[in-house]
Amino acid sequence: MSPRDEPDWDATAYEDDHSFVYEYGADVLELLAPAAGERVLDLGCGTGALTGKIAASGADIVGIDSAAEMIERARANHPELAFRQADARTATFDEPFDAVFSNAALHWIDEQDAAVSTVADALRPGGRFVAELGGDGNVAAIVDAVLAELAERGYDADNPWHFPTVGEYASRLERHGFEVRDATLFDRPTELEGEDGLENWLDVFADGLFAPLSEREREAVVAAVEERLRPAYYGDGVWTADYRRLRFRAVYRPEP
């Protein structure tokens, strides 16, 4: 993936405290339904958890990610599989794929058309693109709270992610030669691990929003965000993030 404000990924924290990212991806794998002998690209593979599951189907899998630390961990986790560090906007491949899979990666990319063009170029005609990303309204409560606290301290910041509507993304896919077979936007409230779950989530995924702040300012913002969100999103020792996901399956049908 090629993010607009990519955090400095801590692969250990990602695997230990935020395993829900790839655990929820199991449903997307069912939609992909990889088969033995297929050639599949995992775009934004992270530490390779889902790449390994795709490989277990007998598919020939290649995983790419823009983060060097993620690729290093993926290779350590699955030394038998092919991983490479690559930018989703510009990556090229010597052989076409039967399918491209992506879980929780596309919303990091600032140039969406470039990424979809990469996918189209990577697929054979009739190949499928199956993905899940943050959808319209994803973590809106968290984002709004962080931006409000930053604004109160004189910092101007924007949502670092791209969370599209179904209509927006379906139209983009169609412009690039895809026939959209399924697309759905759904709420998926997601429990975060432990009493410090929200703070840890912000540390891992929203690091870019805090870049201009000193450590003391950052701590103050995080504490204020927790107070804003606690009444609605914390209970019984657990934080819940207001996730909304966009999931789709599309087939590449280029014009003859």
Foldseek 3Di string as FASTA:
>chain_A
DDFPQADLADLVLCVPFPVVQVVVCVVLCVVVVAAADFEEEEEQCFQPPVVVVNVVRNYQYEYEAQHPVRQVNNCVVPVPHHYDYDDLLDDDDPAAGLEYEYTAPQFRDPPNLSNLLSNLRRHDAFHKYWYKYFAPPFLVLLVVLLQVLCVVVPDHDDDRTHHYHQVVVCVSNVVNQKDWDDKDKFKDWAKGDFLCRQVSCCNRGVVSSCVVDDPVSVVVSSVSSCVSCVVPADDPGIGIGGTMMMITMIGGHDDD
